[in-house]
Amino acid sequence: MSQLGLTRREANEFILYWLPRMEGNAYNLISFQKEAYTETAALTIDPQSDTLLRVFMAWKGLDKPMKVSPQMLEPVQRTGFTVVEWGGAELP
C-alpha cells in the first residue's frame, strides 16, 4: 500500500474494509486500476488539490492459484493539499 502512496493509517483503513470481504476465498486475484478507473470515474474537486491519489482495486476470489505477472506500481509523491480516494470492486 505504501508503494501506491497511502500512509500507514490509510492503508490500515483500506485493509480493514477489504479483508473481511476477501478472506473467505482460497485465493484472490488483485489488480490496482489506473487509467481504466480514472478515465471512467471523473472527479471534480474544488478547490483543486495539489496532489490527487486515487487507489482503486479490482479483485476476484479464486479457488486455485493463478500465475500472473507482477503489477508495476508507481508511487505518488504528495505535496501540498492532498486528496486521497480509495475503493475497489469485486469482479464476477
N, C-alpha and C. Protein backbone atom coordinates (compact mmCIF):
# COMPACT_ATOMS: atom_id res chain seq x y z
N MET A 1 0.82 -1.19 0.00
CA MET A 1 0.00 0.00 0.00
C MET A 1 0.87 1.26 0.00
N SER A 2 2.02 1.18 0.67
CA SER A 2 2.89 2.35 0.67
C SER A 2 3.43 2.63 -0.73
N GLN A 3 3.59 1.59 -1.56
CA GLN A 3 4.03 1.81 -2.94
C GLN A 3 3.01 2.62 -3.73
N LEU A 4 1.75 2.54 -3.33
CA LEU A 4 0.70 3.31 -4.00
C LEU A 4 0.58 4.73 -3.46
N GLY A 5 1.29 5.00 -2.36
CA GLY A 5 1.27 6.35 -1.80
C GLY A 5 0.43 6.51 -0.55
N LEU A 6 -0.20 5.43 -0.09
CA LEU A 6 -1.03 5.52 1.12
C LEU A 6 -0.16 5.57 2.37
N THR A 7 -0.61 6.35 3.33
CA THR A 7 0.05 6.37 4.64
C THR A 7 -0.29 5.08 5.38
N ARG A 8 0.36 4.83 6.46
CA ARG A 8 0.08 3.64 7.26
C ARG A 8 -1.38 3.62 7.72
N ARG A 9 -1.88 4.75 8.16
CA ARG A 9 -3.27 4.84 8.62
C ARG A 9 -4.25 4.57 7.47
N GLU A 10 -4.01 5.17 6.31
CA GLU A 10 -4.88 4.97 5.16
C GLU A 10 -4.84 3.51 4.70
N ALA A 11 -3.65 2.92 4.68
CA ALA A 11 -3.51 1.51 4.29
C ALA A 11 -4.26 0.62 5.27
N ASN A 12 -4.18 0.93 6.55
CA ASN A 12 -4.87 0.14 7.56
C ASN A 12 -6.39 0.21 7.35
N GLU A 13 -6.91 1.40 7.07
CA GLU A 13 -8.35 1.55 6.81
C GLU A 13 -8.76 0.77 5.57
N PHE A 14 -7.93 0.79 4.54
CA PHE A 14 -8.18 0.05 3.30
C PHE A 14 -8.26 -1.45 3.61
N ILE A 15 -7.29 -1.94 4.32
CA ILE A 15 -7.23 -3.37 4.67
C ILE A 15 -8.40 -3.77 5.56
N LEU A 16 -8.71 -2.95 6.56
CA LEU A 16 -9.83 -3.26 7.46
C LEU A 16 -11.16 -3.34 6.70
N TYR A 17 -11.29 -2.57 5.64
CA TYR A 17 -12.51 -2.60 4.86
C TYR A 17 -12.55 -3.83 3.95
N TRP A 18 -11.47 -4.09 3.23
CA TRP A 18 -11.48 -5.13 2.20
C TRP A 18 -11.20 -6.54 2.70
N LEU A 19 -10.39 -6.69 3.73
CA LEU A 19 -10.03 -8.03 4.20
C LEU A 19 -11.23 -8.92 4.53
N PRO A 20 -12.22 -8.45 5.26
CA PRO A 20 -13.37 -9.32 5.57
C PRO A 20 -14.10 -9.81 4.32
N ARG A 21 -14.06 -9.05 3.25
CA ARG A 21 -14.74 -9.45 2.01
C ARG A 21 -13.93 -10.48 1.22
N MET A 22 -12.62 -10.53 1.49
CA MET A 22 -11.74 -11.38 0.69
C MET A 22 -11.25 -12.63 1.41
N GLU A 23 -11.23 -12.61 2.74
CA GLU A 23 -10.57 -13.67 3.48
C GLU A 23 -11.24 -15.04 3.38
N GLY A 24 -12.49 -15.10 2.93
CA GLY A 24 -13.17 -16.38 2.77
C GLY A 24 -12.76 -17.12 1.50
N ASN A 25 -12.04 -16.46 0.62
CA ASN A 25 -11.59 -17.08 -0.63
C ASN A 25 -10.27 -17.80 -0.42
N ALA A 26 -10.10 -18.91 -1.11
CA ALA A 26 -8.82 -19.63 -1.04
C ALA A 26 -7.70 -18.74 -1.59
N TYR A 27 -7.99 -18.02 -2.67
CA TYR A 27 -7.04 -17.12 -3.31
C TYR A 27 -7.80 -15.90 -3.82
N ASN A 28 -7.07 -14.82 -4.01
CA ASN A 28 -7.65 -13.60 -4.57
C ASN A 28 -6.75 -13.06 -5.67
N LEU A 29 -7.33 -12.76 -6.80
CA LEU A 29 -6.62 -12.11 -7.89
C LEU A 29 -6.88 -10.61 -7.73
N ILE A 30 -5.81 -9.84 -7.60
CA ILE A 30 -5.93 -8.41 -7.30
C ILE A 30 -5.18 -7.60 -8.35
N SER A 31 -5.81 -6.54 -8.82
CA SER A 31 -5.17 -5.62 -9.75
C SER A 31 -5.58 -4.20 -9.37
N PHE A 32 -4.59 -3.32 -9.26
CA PHE A 32 -4.89 -1.92 -8.98
C PHE A 32 -5.05 -1.20 -10.31
N GLN A 33 -6.21 -0.60 -10.49
CA GLN A 33 -6.58 0.06 -11.74
C GLN A 33 -6.04 1.48 -11.76
N LYS A 34 -5.64 1.90 -12.93
CA LYS A 34 -5.18 3.27 -13.10
C LYS A 34 -6.09 3.97 -14.10
N GLU A 35 -5.65 4.06 -15.34
CA GLU A 35 -6.43 4.77 -16.36
C GLU A 35 -7.81 4.16 -16.56
N ALA A 36 -7.91 2.85 -16.48
CA ALA A 36 -9.22 2.19 -16.66
C ALA A 36 -10.23 2.73 -15.66
N TYR A 37 -9.77 3.13 -14.49
CA TYR A 37 -10.66 3.69 -13.47
C TYR A 37 -10.79 5.20 -13.63
N THR A 38 -9.67 5.90 -13.68
CA THR A 38 -9.72 7.36 -13.67
C THR A 38 -10.37 7.94 -14.92
N GLU A 39 -10.28 7.23 -16.04
CA GLU A 39 -10.90 7.73 -17.27
C GLU A 39 -12.41 7.54 -17.28
N THR A 40 -12.92 6.61 -16.50
CA THR A 40 -14.35 6.36 -16.47
C THR A 40 -15.04 6.93 -15.22
N ALA A 41 -14.27 7.28 -14.22
CA ALA A 41 -14.84 7.82 -12.98
C ALA A 41 -14.30 9.23 -12.77
N ALA A 42 -14.90 10.17 -13.44
CA ALA A 42 -14.45 11.57 -13.35
C ALA A 42 -14.58 12.08 -11.92
N LEU A 43 -13.69 12.94 -11.55
CA LEU A 43 -13.68 13.51 -10.21
C LEU A 43 -13.38 15.00 -10.31
N THR A 44 -14.24 15.81 -9.70
CA THR A 44 -14.03 17.25 -9.65
C THR A 44 -13.88 17.67 -8.20
N ILE A 45 -12.84 18.41 -7.92
CA ILE A 45 -12.58 18.85 -6.54
C ILE A 45 -12.40 20.36 -6.56
N ASP A 46 -13.07 21.03 -5.61
CA ASP A 46 -12.97 22.47 -5.50
C ASP A 46 -12.79 22.83 -4.04
N PRO A 47 -11.67 23.38 -3.66
CA PRO A 47 -10.58 23.84 -4.51
C PRO A 47 -9.76 22.66 -5.02
N GLN A 48 -9.10 22.86 -6.15
CA GLN A 48 -8.30 21.83 -6.77
C GLN A 48 -7.14 21.44 -5.86
N SER A 49 -6.85 20.16 -5.80
CA SER A 49 -5.77 19.67 -4.94
C SER A 49 -4.42 19.84 -5.64
N ASP A 50 -3.36 19.87 -4.81
CA ASP A 50 -2.00 19.88 -5.35
C ASP A 50 -1.61 18.45 -5.76
N THR A 51 -2.10 17.48 -4.99
CA THR A 51 -1.83 16.08 -5.27
C THR A 51 -3.13 15.31 -5.19
N LEU A 52 -3.38 14.47 -6.18
CA LEU A 52 -4.57 13.62 -6.19
C LEU A 52 -4.11 12.17 -6.24
N LEU A 53 -4.50 11.41 -5.24
CA LEU A 53 -4.12 10.00 -5.14
C LEU A 53 -5.39 9.16 -5.18
N ARG A 54 -5.56 8.39 -6.25
CA ARG A 54 -6.75 7.56 -6.43
C ARG A 54 -6.30 6.10 -6.49
N VAL A 55 -6.72 5.32 -5.52
CA VAL A 55 -6.38 3.90 -5.45
C VAL A 55 -7.67 3.10 -5.63
N PHE A 56 -7.72 2.32 -6.70
CA PHE A 56 -8.90 1.51 -6.97
C PHE A 56 -8.46 0.08 -7.27
N MET A 57 -8.92 -0.84 -6.44
CA MET A 57 -8.54 -2.25 -6.55
C MET A 57 -9.69 -3.05 -7.17
N ALA A 58 -9.39 -3.77 -8.24
CA ALA A 58 -10.34 -4.73 -8.81
C ALA A 58 -9.86 -6.10 -8.36
N TRP A 59 -10.78 -6.92 -7.87
CA TRP A 59 -10.36 -8.23 -7.36
C TRP A 59 -11.41 -9.29 -7.62
N LYS A 60 -10.94 -10.53 -7.59
CA LYS A 60 -11.82 -11.66 -7.82
C LYS A 60 -11.34 -12.83 -6.97
N GLY A 61 -12.27 -13.47 -6.27
CA GLY A 61 -11.93 -14.65 -5.49
C GLY A 61 -11.69 -15.83 -6.41
N LEU A 62 -10.68 -16.64 -6.08
CA LEU A 62 -10.33 -17.81 -6.88
C LEU A 62 -10.30 -19.07 -6.01
N ASP A 63 -10.57 -20.21 -6.62
CA ASP A 63 -10.48 -21.49 -5.92
C ASP A 63 -9.08 -22.06 -5.95
N LYS A 64 -8.30 -21.68 -6.96
CA LYS A 64 -6.94 -22.20 -7.07
C LYS A 64 -6.01 -21.07 -7.51
N PRO A 65 -4.71 -21.22 -7.29
CA PRO A 65 -3.79 -20.15 -7.67
C PRO A 65 -3.75 -19.97 -9.18
N MET A 66 -3.34 -18.79 -9.55
CA MET A 66 -3.26 -18.42 -10.97
C MET A 66 -1.93 -17.70 -11.18
N LYS A 67 -1.22 -18.06 -12.23
CA LYS A 67 0.06 -17.41 -12.50
C LYS A 67 -0.17 -16.09 -13.22
N VAL A 68 0.35 -15.03 -12.65
CA VAL A 68 0.23 -13.69 -13.24
C VAL A 68 1.56 -12.98 -13.12
N SER A 69 1.77 -12.01 -13.98
CA SER A 69 2.97 -11.17 -13.89
C SER A 69 2.77 -10.13 -12.80
N PRO A 70 3.82 -9.80 -12.08
CA PRO A 70 3.68 -8.75 -11.04
C PRO A 70 3.27 -7.43 -11.66
N GLN A 71 2.43 -6.71 -10.95
CA GLN A 71 1.98 -5.40 -11.42
C GLN A 71 3.00 -4.36 -10.99
N MET A 72 3.39 -3.50 -11.90
CA MET A 72 4.31 -2.42 -11.58
C MET A 72 3.50 -1.25 -11.02
N LEU A 73 3.81 -0.87 -9.80
CA LEU A 73 3.09 0.21 -9.13
C LEU A 73 3.97 1.44 -9.06
N GLU A 74 3.42 2.58 -9.37
CA GLU A 74 4.15 3.84 -9.34
C GLU A 74 3.65 4.69 -8.18
N PRO A 75 4.54 4.96 -7.22
CA PRO A 75 4.10 5.77 -6.08
C PRO A 75 3.83 7.22 -6.48
N VAL A 76 2.96 7.84 -5.74
CA VAL A 76 2.63 9.25 -5.94
C VAL A 76 3.34 10.05 -4.86
N GLN A 77 4.03 11.09 -5.27
CA GLN A 77 4.69 11.98 -4.31
C GLN A 77 3.69 13.04 -3.87
N ARG A 78 3.44 13.09 -2.58
CA ARG A 78 2.47 14.06 -2.04
C ARG A 78 3.13 15.40 -1.82
N THR A 79 2.43 16.45 -2.28
CA THR A 79 2.86 17.81 -1.99
C THR A 79 1.61 18.64 -1.75
N GLY A 80 1.70 19.55 -0.80
CA GLY A 80 0.60 20.47 -0.54
C GLY A 80 -0.70 19.78 -0.17
N PHE A 81 -1.79 20.39 -0.62
CA PHE A 81 -3.14 19.88 -0.35
C PHE A 81 -3.33 18.58 -1.12
N THR A 82 -3.45 17.47 -0.38
CA THR A 82 -3.55 16.15 -0.99
C THR A 82 -4.93 15.55 -0.76
N VAL A 83 -5.53 15.07 -1.84
CA VAL A 83 -6.81 14.37 -1.77
C VAL A 83 -6.54 12.89 -2.02
N VAL A 84 -7.08 12.05 -1.11
CA VAL A 84 -6.91 10.60 -1.24
C VAL A 84 -8.28 9.97 -1.40
N GLU A 85 -8.41 9.16 -2.44
CA GLU A 85 -9.63 8.39 -2.67
C GLU A 85 -9.21 6.94 -2.84
N TRP A 86 -9.84 6.05 -2.07
CA TRP A 86 -9.57 4.63 -2.30
C TRP A 86 -10.87 3.86 -2.35
N GLY A 87 -10.85 2.79 -3.11
CA GLY A 87 -12.03 1.97 -3.25
C GLY A 87 -11.70 0.70 -4.02
N GLY A 88 -12.73 0.00 -4.43
CA GLY A 88 -12.50 -1.22 -5.15
C GLY A 88 -13.80 -1.84 -5.61
N ALA A 89 -13.66 -2.93 -6.32
CA ALA A 89 -14.82 -3.65 -6.81
C ALA A 89 -14.48 -5.12 -6.95
N GLU A 90 -15.44 -5.97 -6.55
CA GLU A 90 -15.29 -7.40 -6.77
C GLU A 90 -15.80 -7.72 -8.16
N LEU A 91 -15.00 -8.42 -8.92
CA LEU A 91 -15.38 -8.80 -10.27
C LEU A 91 -16.16 -10.12 -10.23
N PRO A 92 -17.11 -10.28 -11.15
CA PRO A 92 -17.89 -11.52 -11.17
C PRO A 92 -17.06 -12.70 -11.63
